[in-house]
Amino acid sequence: MRRAMVSAERPILCLCRSRLCAARRIRTGRRMIGESRVPRFRRGVRFRYDQIRRAWVLLAPEKLYMPDEVAVEILKLVDGERSIALIADDLASRFDAPRELIVRDTAAALEDLSLRGALEL
């Protein structure tokens, strides 16, 4: 009788650990963007309040994004003239939050929308 599975002569726990180590080495390709970058909406992208959905939406060609409350506050300040640093300063003063945290969250949100094709940085 032949066996369907042959022992690899390694305990299962070691196999799991080796896969976890390999997974930690995978890079996502994300980079941290600088505070001096000026975000602007790409051509054909609109940020509006939709009366039917009763929510802010980001309309792009063939796409619709529904940002959460934090992203809405960030996107309201994107005008093609303000840098990420100025947007973060405005948000930090309005919401009484640490500037470093606001800069990190703002940059991450804008980078995500840039990777999705809604913004230019």
Protein backbone atom coordinates (compact mmCIF):
# COMPACT_ATOMS: atom_id res chain seq x y z
CA MET A 1 0.00 0.00 0.00
CA ARG A 2 1.38 3.42 -0.99
CA ARG A 3 0.90 6.45 1.20
CA ALA A 4 -0.60 9.60 -0.23
CA MET A 5 1.55 11.83 1.96
CA VAL A 6 5.20 11.29 2.78
CA SER A 7 6.73 12.65 5.97
CA ALA A 8 8.94 15.65 5.45
CA GLU A 9 10.86 14.63 8.59
CA ARG A 10 10.14 18.02 10.12
CA PRO A 11 7.57 18.76 12.78
CA ILE A 12 4.56 20.74 11.59
CA LEU A 13 5.41 23.58 13.98
CA CYS A 14 8.73 24.16 12.22
CA LEU A 15 7.02 24.27 8.84
CA CYS A 16 4.62 26.91 10.11
CA ARG A 17 7.44 28.98 11.57
CA SER A 18 9.40 28.93 8.35
CA ARG A 19 6.39 30.25 6.43
CA LEU A 20 5.87 33.06 8.92
CA CYS A 21 9.47 34.20 8.56
CA ALA A 22 9.15 34.23 4.80
CA ALA A 23 5.93 36.25 5.01
CA ARG A 24 7.60 38.92 7.14
CA ARG A 25 10.13 39.59 4.39
CA ILE A 26 7.52 40.50 1.79
CA ARG A 27 7.51 44.18 1.03
CA THR A 28 4.29 45.95 0.15
CA GLY A 29 5.87 48.60 -2.05
CA ARG A 30 4.47 51.45 0.02
CA ARG A 31 6.67 54.42 0.67
CA MET A 32 6.22 57.29 3.05
CA ILE A 33 5.50 60.52 1.21
CA GLY A 34 6.95 63.86 2.23
CA GLU A 35 5.06 66.62 4.00
CA SER A 36 5.95 69.12 1.28
CA ARG A 37 3.97 67.27 -1.40
CA VAL A 38 0.84 69.04 -2.65
CA PRO A 39 -2.08 66.68 -3.26
CA ARG A 40 -4.60 67.43 -6.00
CA PHE A 41 -7.44 65.52 -7.53
CA ARG A 42 -6.70 63.85 -10.84
CA ARG A 43 -8.45 64.99 -13.97
CA GLY A 44 -12.07 63.85 -13.94
CA VAL A 45 -12.20 63.18 -10.19
CA ARG A 46 -14.77 65.08 -8.11
CA PHE A 47 -15.36 65.22 -4.36
CA ARG A 48 -19.00 65.98 -3.57
CA TYR A 49 -21.79 65.50 -1.10
CA ASP A 50 -24.31 63.08 -2.59
CA GLN A 51 -27.88 63.96 -1.56
CA ILE A 52 -29.24 60.52 -2.43
CA ARG A 53 -26.66 58.59 -0.39
CA ARG A 54 -26.46 61.37 2.23
CA ALA A 55 -22.68 60.96 2.28
CA TRP A 56 -19.54 62.46 0.79
CA VAL A 57 -18.35 60.59 -2.27
CA LEU A 58 -15.27 60.70 -4.44
CA LEU A 59 -16.33 60.29 -8.05
CA ALA A 60 -13.71 59.06 -10.51
CA PRO A 61 -14.16 57.77 -14.04
CA GLU A 62 -15.79 54.34 -13.70
CA LYS A 63 -15.30 54.43 -9.91
CA LEU A 64 -17.03 55.63 -6.76
CA TYR A 65 -15.30 55.89 -3.39
CA MET A 66 -17.16 56.48 -0.14
CA PRO A 67 -14.58 57.84 2.33
CA ASP A 68 -14.98 57.58 6.09
CA GLU A 69 -15.26 60.62 8.38
CA VAL A 70 -11.51 61.06 8.77
CA ALA A 71 -10.88 60.88 5.02
CA VAL A 72 -13.72 63.35 4.39
CA GLU A 73 -12.07 65.94 6.65
CA ILE A 74 -8.76 65.42 4.85
CA LEU A 75 -10.31 65.58 1.37
CA LYS A 76 -12.19 68.78 2.19
CA LEU A 77 -8.79 70.47 2.54
CA VAL A 78 -7.31 69.15 -0.72
CA ASP A 79 -7.34 72.10 -3.10
CA GLY A 80 -4.17 71.67 -5.15
CA GLU A 81 -2.42 74.50 -3.30
CA ARG A 82 -1.96 73.28 0.28
CA SER A 83 0.82 70.87 1.16
CA ILE A 84 0.34 67.83 3.37
CA ALA A 85 2.03 69.77 6.19
CA LEU A 86 -0.50 72.61 5.96
CA ILE A 87 -3.41 70.17 5.81
CA ALA A 88 -2.07 68.37 8.89
CA ASP A 89 -1.56 71.67 10.75
CA ASP A 90 -5.16 72.69 10.05
CA LEU A 91 -6.51 69.31 11.19
CA ALA A 92 -4.31 69.26 14.30
CA SER A 93 -5.57 72.68 15.38
CA ARG A 94 -9.23 71.87 14.70
CA PHE A 95 -9.27 68.47 16.39
CA ASP A 96 -6.72 69.10 19.17
CA ALA A 97 -4.61 66.05 18.28
CA PRO A 98 -0.83 65.49 18.15
CA ARG A 99 0.57 66.82 14.88
CA GLU A 100 2.83 63.79 14.31
CA LEU A 101 -0.15 61.44 14.42
CA ILE A 102 -2.17 63.67 12.07
CA VAL A 103 0.70 63.92 9.58
CA ARG A 104 1.17 60.15 9.54
CA ASP A 105 -2.55 59.42 9.10
CA THR A 106 -3.00 62.16 6.49
CA ALA A 107 -0.02 60.99 4.45
CA ALA A 108 -1.21 57.37 4.61
CA ALA A 109 -4.74 58.26 3.50
CA LEU A 110 -3.55 60.45 0.64
CA GLU A 111 -1.02 57.85 -0.49
CA ASP A 112 -3.73 55.20 -0.53
CA LEU A 113 -5.96 57.39 -2.69
CA SER A 114 -3.00 58.16 -4.93
CA LEU A 115 -2.34 54.45 -5.44
CA ARG A 116 -6.03 54.00 -6.32
CA GLY A 117 -5.74 56.72 -8.96
CA ALA A 118 -7.89 59.40 -7.37
CA LEU A 119 -5.13 61.84 -6.35
CA GLU A 120 -1.83 63.12 -7.66
CA LEU A 121 0.96 63.75 -5.19
